[in-house]
Amino acid sequence: MIEITPVAQGHFKKLLEPQKEGTGIRVFVINPGTPKAECGVSYCPPEAVEGSDLRLNYDGFDALIDDVSLPFLEEAFIDLVEEETGTQLTLKAPNAKMRRVKDDAPLIERVEYVIQVQVNPQLASHGGFIKLIEITDDNVAIIEFGGGCNGCSQVDLTLKEGIEKELLEEFSGELNAVRDITEHQSGDHSFYK
């Protein structure tokens, strides 16, 4: 469910020692399943535990997850990273913005999932994203660029060498091409001009 590295477990155990007996940690997602999803960790005193919470037992503490956050924390990973600026707790939840789909889900759902968790995070560094419009009868994914990608001079390269290559590899034998239907307008919003 959630992987908490041994060093992060030691960190939580140390943080919880001075807390009230029975206090654990709560791992949660705010706005789960949306582009604004954010993950967090907080103290969870015994009186804040809900009957529907999933309780995960670790050495010296419990982690609690509410039933709404649960499907969005599948494959989540918590670590404690040492950096020059200090120690930082990191929580990575690849399914926070979109619930993981089953391997036998319709092609359009699986493509949408890969776009949200793999493609769009890469495009976000340039202020852009793509939206899946449809998958045609001949298995062509029709997409539309948005944000900084709309009007970017590198959009054709991004489509052919990045997005299409990644999606065709991921859905080999199922997807035949990726086509952009965006009416590109250059402007201040584009990362590259």
Protein backbone atom coordinates (compact mmCIF):
# COMPACT_ATOMS: atom_id res chain seq x y z
CA MET A 1 0.00 0.00 0.00
CA ILE A 2 2.40 2.71 1.23
CA GLU A 3 6.11 2.13 1.44
CA ILE A 4 7.79 3.97 4.30
CA THR A 5 11.56 3.57 4.23
CA PRO A 6 13.31 2.42 7.43
CA VAL A 7 14.94 5.85 7.86
CA ALA A 8 11.54 7.57 7.54
CA GLN A 9 10.03 5.08 9.99
CA GLY A 10 12.78 5.97 12.49
CA HIS A 11 12.02 9.66 11.96
CA PHE A 12 8.28 9.18 12.63
CA LYS A 13 8.98 7.03 15.69
CA LYS A 14 11.23 9.77 17.12
CA LEU A 15 8.65 12.52 16.35
CA LEU A 16 5.88 10.51 18.01
CA GLU A 17 7.76 9.69 21.26
CA PRO A 18 6.78 12.91 23.09
CA GLN A 19 3.19 12.77 21.78
CA LYS A 20 0.15 11.39 23.61
CA GLU A 21 0.13 7.59 24.00
CA GLY A 22 -1.39 5.91 20.93
CA THR A 23 -0.75 8.83 18.57
CA GLY A 24 0.09 7.71 15.05
CA ILE A 25 0.52 9.44 11.75
CA ARG A 26 -2.22 10.17 9.23
CA VAL A 27 -1.34 10.04 5.54
CA PHE A 28 -3.91 11.83 3.40
CA VAL A 29 -4.71 13.43 0.05
CA ILE A 30 -6.48 16.80 -0.23
CA ASN A 31 -8.52 17.15 -3.46
CA PRO A 32 -7.82 13.52 -4.46
CA GLY A 33 -8.30 12.65 -8.11
CA THR A 34 -7.94 16.25 -9.30
CA PRO A 35 -5.04 18.23 -10.77
CA LYS A 36 -4.91 20.13 -7.44
CA ALA A 37 -4.34 16.97 -5.36
CA GLU A 38 -1.83 17.38 -2.54
CA CYS A 39 -0.54 14.73 -0.16
CA GLY A 40 0.29 15.22 3.46
CA VAL A 41 1.27 13.61 6.74
CA SER A 42 0.11 14.76 10.17
CA TYR A 43 -0.15 13.55 13.74
CA CYS A 44 -3.21 11.42 14.43
CA PRO A 45 -4.14 11.22 18.13
CA PRO A 46 -6.30 8.25 19.19
CA GLU A 47 -9.49 10.34 19.36
CA ALA A 48 -9.07 11.35 15.69
CA VAL A 49 -9.09 7.76 14.41
CA GLU A 50 -12.20 6.94 12.36
CA GLY A 51 -13.76 3.49 12.23
CA SER A 52 -13.31 3.40 8.44
CA ASP A 53 -9.56 4.25 8.58
CA LEU A 54 -7.06 1.72 7.29
CA ARG A 55 -4.44 1.10 9.98
CA LEU A 56 -0.95 0.10 8.85
CA ASN A 57 1.35 -1.15 11.60
CA TYR A 58 5.01 -0.14 11.60
CA ASP A 59 7.71 -0.63 14.21
CA GLY A 60 6.70 1.72 17.04
CA PHE A 61 3.78 3.52 15.37
CA ASP A 62 0.70 3.14 13.18
CA ALA A 63 -0.10 4.97 9.97
CA LEU A 64 -3.78 5.73 9.34
CA ILE A 65 -5.41 6.41 5.99
CA ASP A 66 -8.98 7.61 5.51
CA ASP A 67 -11.16 5.70 3.06
CA VAL A 68 -11.38 8.64 0.61
CA SER A 69 -7.58 8.99 0.33
CA LEU A 70 -6.92 5.25 0.23
CA PRO A 71 -7.25 4.52 -3.52
CA PHE A 72 -5.16 7.59 -4.36
CA LEU A 73 -2.28 6.51 -2.10
CA GLU A 74 -1.73 3.19 -3.86
CA GLU A 75 2.02 2.87 -4.59
CA ALA A 76 2.84 5.88 -2.36
CA PHE A 77 6.38 6.17 -1.05
CA ILE A 78 7.65 8.10 2.00
CA ASP A 79 11.35 8.71 2.57
CA LEU A 80 13.62 10.97 4.59
CA VAL A 81 16.22 12.57 2.32
CA GLU A 82 19.45 14.19 3.51
CA GLU A 83 20.33 17.27 1.44
CA GLU A 84 22.85 20.10 1.80
CA THR A 85 20.07 22.33 3.09
CA GLY A 86 18.99 19.76 5.68
CA THR A 87 16.75 16.76 6.08
CA GLN A 88 13.52 16.62 4.14
CA LEU A 89 10.58 14.24 4.37
CA THR A 90 9.33 13.34 0.88
CA LEU A 91 6.01 11.78 0.02
CA LYS A 92 5.50 10.60 -3.56
CA ALA A 93 2.03 9.43 -4.54
CA PRO A 94 1.84 8.79 -8.29
CA ASN A 95 -1.89 8.10 -8.11
CA ALA A 96 -2.96 11.16 -6.07
CA LYS A 97 -4.21 13.14 -9.05
CA MET A 98 -5.91 10.18 -10.67
CA ARG A 99 -6.91 6.83 -9.27
CA ARG A 100 -4.93 3.92 -10.72
CA VAL A 101 -6.93 2.10 -13.38
CA LYS A 102 -7.04 -1.66 -13.79
CA ASP A 103 -4.97 -3.34 -16.51
CA ASP A 104 -8.17 -4.53 -18.23
CA ALA A 105 -9.84 -1.08 -18.17
CA PRO A 106 -10.89 0.40 -21.54
CA LEU A 107 -7.99 1.82 -23.59
CA ILE A 108 -9.18 5.42 -23.19
CA GLU A 109 -9.05 5.13 -19.37
CA ARG A 110 -5.58 3.58 -19.40
CA VAL A 111 -4.24 6.23 -21.81
CA GLU A 112 -5.79 9.03 -19.70
CA TYR A 113 -4.13 7.56 -16.60
CA VAL A 114 -0.66 7.48 -18.24
CA ILE A 115 -1.12 11.05 -19.49
CA GLN A 116 -2.02 12.29 -15.99
CA VAL A 117 0.68 10.44 -14.03
CA GLN A 118 3.57 10.25 -16.53
CA VAL A 119 3.22 12.76 -19.37
CA ASN A 120 1.70 15.84 -17.71
CA PRO A 121 4.16 15.94 -14.80
CA GLN A 122 6.97 16.18 -17.40
CA LEU A 123 5.19 18.94 -19.33
CA ALA A 124 4.43 20.84 -16.12
CA SER A 125 8.08 21.96 -15.89
CA HIS A 126 7.36 24.10 -18.97
CA GLY A 127 3.97 25.24 -17.70
CA GLY A 128 2.12 22.93 -20.08
CA PHE A 129 -0.14 19.91 -20.18
CA ILE A 130 -2.11 17.79 -22.63
CA LYS A 131 -5.72 16.71 -22.53
CA LEU A 132 -6.98 13.49 -24.12
CA ILE A 133 -9.97 14.34 -26.31
CA GLU A 134 -10.79 10.88 -27.69
CA ILE A 135 -9.44 7.67 -29.13
CA THR A 136 -10.69 7.13 -32.66
CA ASP A 137 -12.02 3.87 -34.12
CA ASP A 138 -8.61 3.33 -35.74
CA ASN A 139 -6.88 3.71 -32.33
CA VAL A 140 -5.45 7.20 -32.73
CA ALA A 141 -5.26 9.25 -29.52
CA ILE A 142 -6.50 12.77 -30.20
CA ILE A 143 -4.92 15.25 -27.79
CA GLU A 144 -4.93 18.98 -27.18
CA PHE A 145 -2.03 20.97 -25.74
CA GLY A 146 -2.64 23.59 -23.06
CA GLY A 147 -0.77 26.06 -20.92
CA GLY A 148 2.79 26.87 -22.01
CA CYS A 149 2.69 24.13 -24.66
CA ASN A 150 0.07 26.01 -26.69
CA GLY A 151 2.05 27.96 -29.26
CA CYS A 152 5.43 26.60 -28.23
CA SER A 153 7.90 26.32 -31.12
CA GLN A 154 8.99 22.90 -29.82
CA VAL A 155 5.48 21.39 -29.76
CA ASP A 156 5.98 19.16 -32.83
CA LEU A 157 9.17 17.70 -31.36
CA THR A 158 7.47 17.24 -27.99
CA LEU A 159 4.59 15.42 -29.69
CA LYS A 160 6.59 13.10 -31.98
CA GLU A 161 9.73 12.44 -29.94
CA GLY A 162 8.18 12.59 -26.50
CA ILE A 163 4.47 12.04 -26.06
CA GLU A 164 3.73 9.85 -29.08
CA LYS A 165 6.86 7.74 -28.58
CA GLU A 166 6.03 7.20 -24.90
CA LEU A 167 2.35 6.36 -25.48
CA LEU A 168 3.00 4.03 -28.43
CA GLU A 169 5.60 2.19 -26.38
CA GLU A 170 3.28 1.97 -23.37
CA PHE A 171 0.33 0.78 -25.49
CA SER A 172 2.18 -1.24 -28.12
CA GLY A 173 -0.28 -3.09 -30.37
CA GLU A 174 -3.23 -1.04 -29.07
CA LEU A 175 -2.49 2.56 -30.01
CA ASN A 176 -1.48 3.48 -33.57
CA ALA A 177 -0.70 7.21 -33.36
CA VAL A 178 -1.15 10.42 -31.39
CA ARG A 179 -2.58 13.47 -33.16
CA ASP A 180 -2.67 17.07 -31.93
CA ILE A 181 -5.80 19.13 -32.67
CA THR A 182 -4.66 22.28 -30.84
CA GLU A 183 -5.03 25.62 -32.61
CA HIS A 184 -1.63 26.90 -31.49
CA GLN A 185 -1.30 30.59 -30.72
CA SER A 186 2.10 31.88 -29.70
CA GLY A 187 2.29 34.39 -26.92
CA ASP A 188 3.65 35.20 -23.49
CA HIS A 189 2.19 31.98 -22.07
CA SER A 190 4.51 29.80 -24.20
CA PHE A 191 7.65 28.60 -22.43
CA TYR A 192 9.74 28.74 -25.62
CA LYS A 193 9.01 31.18 -28.43
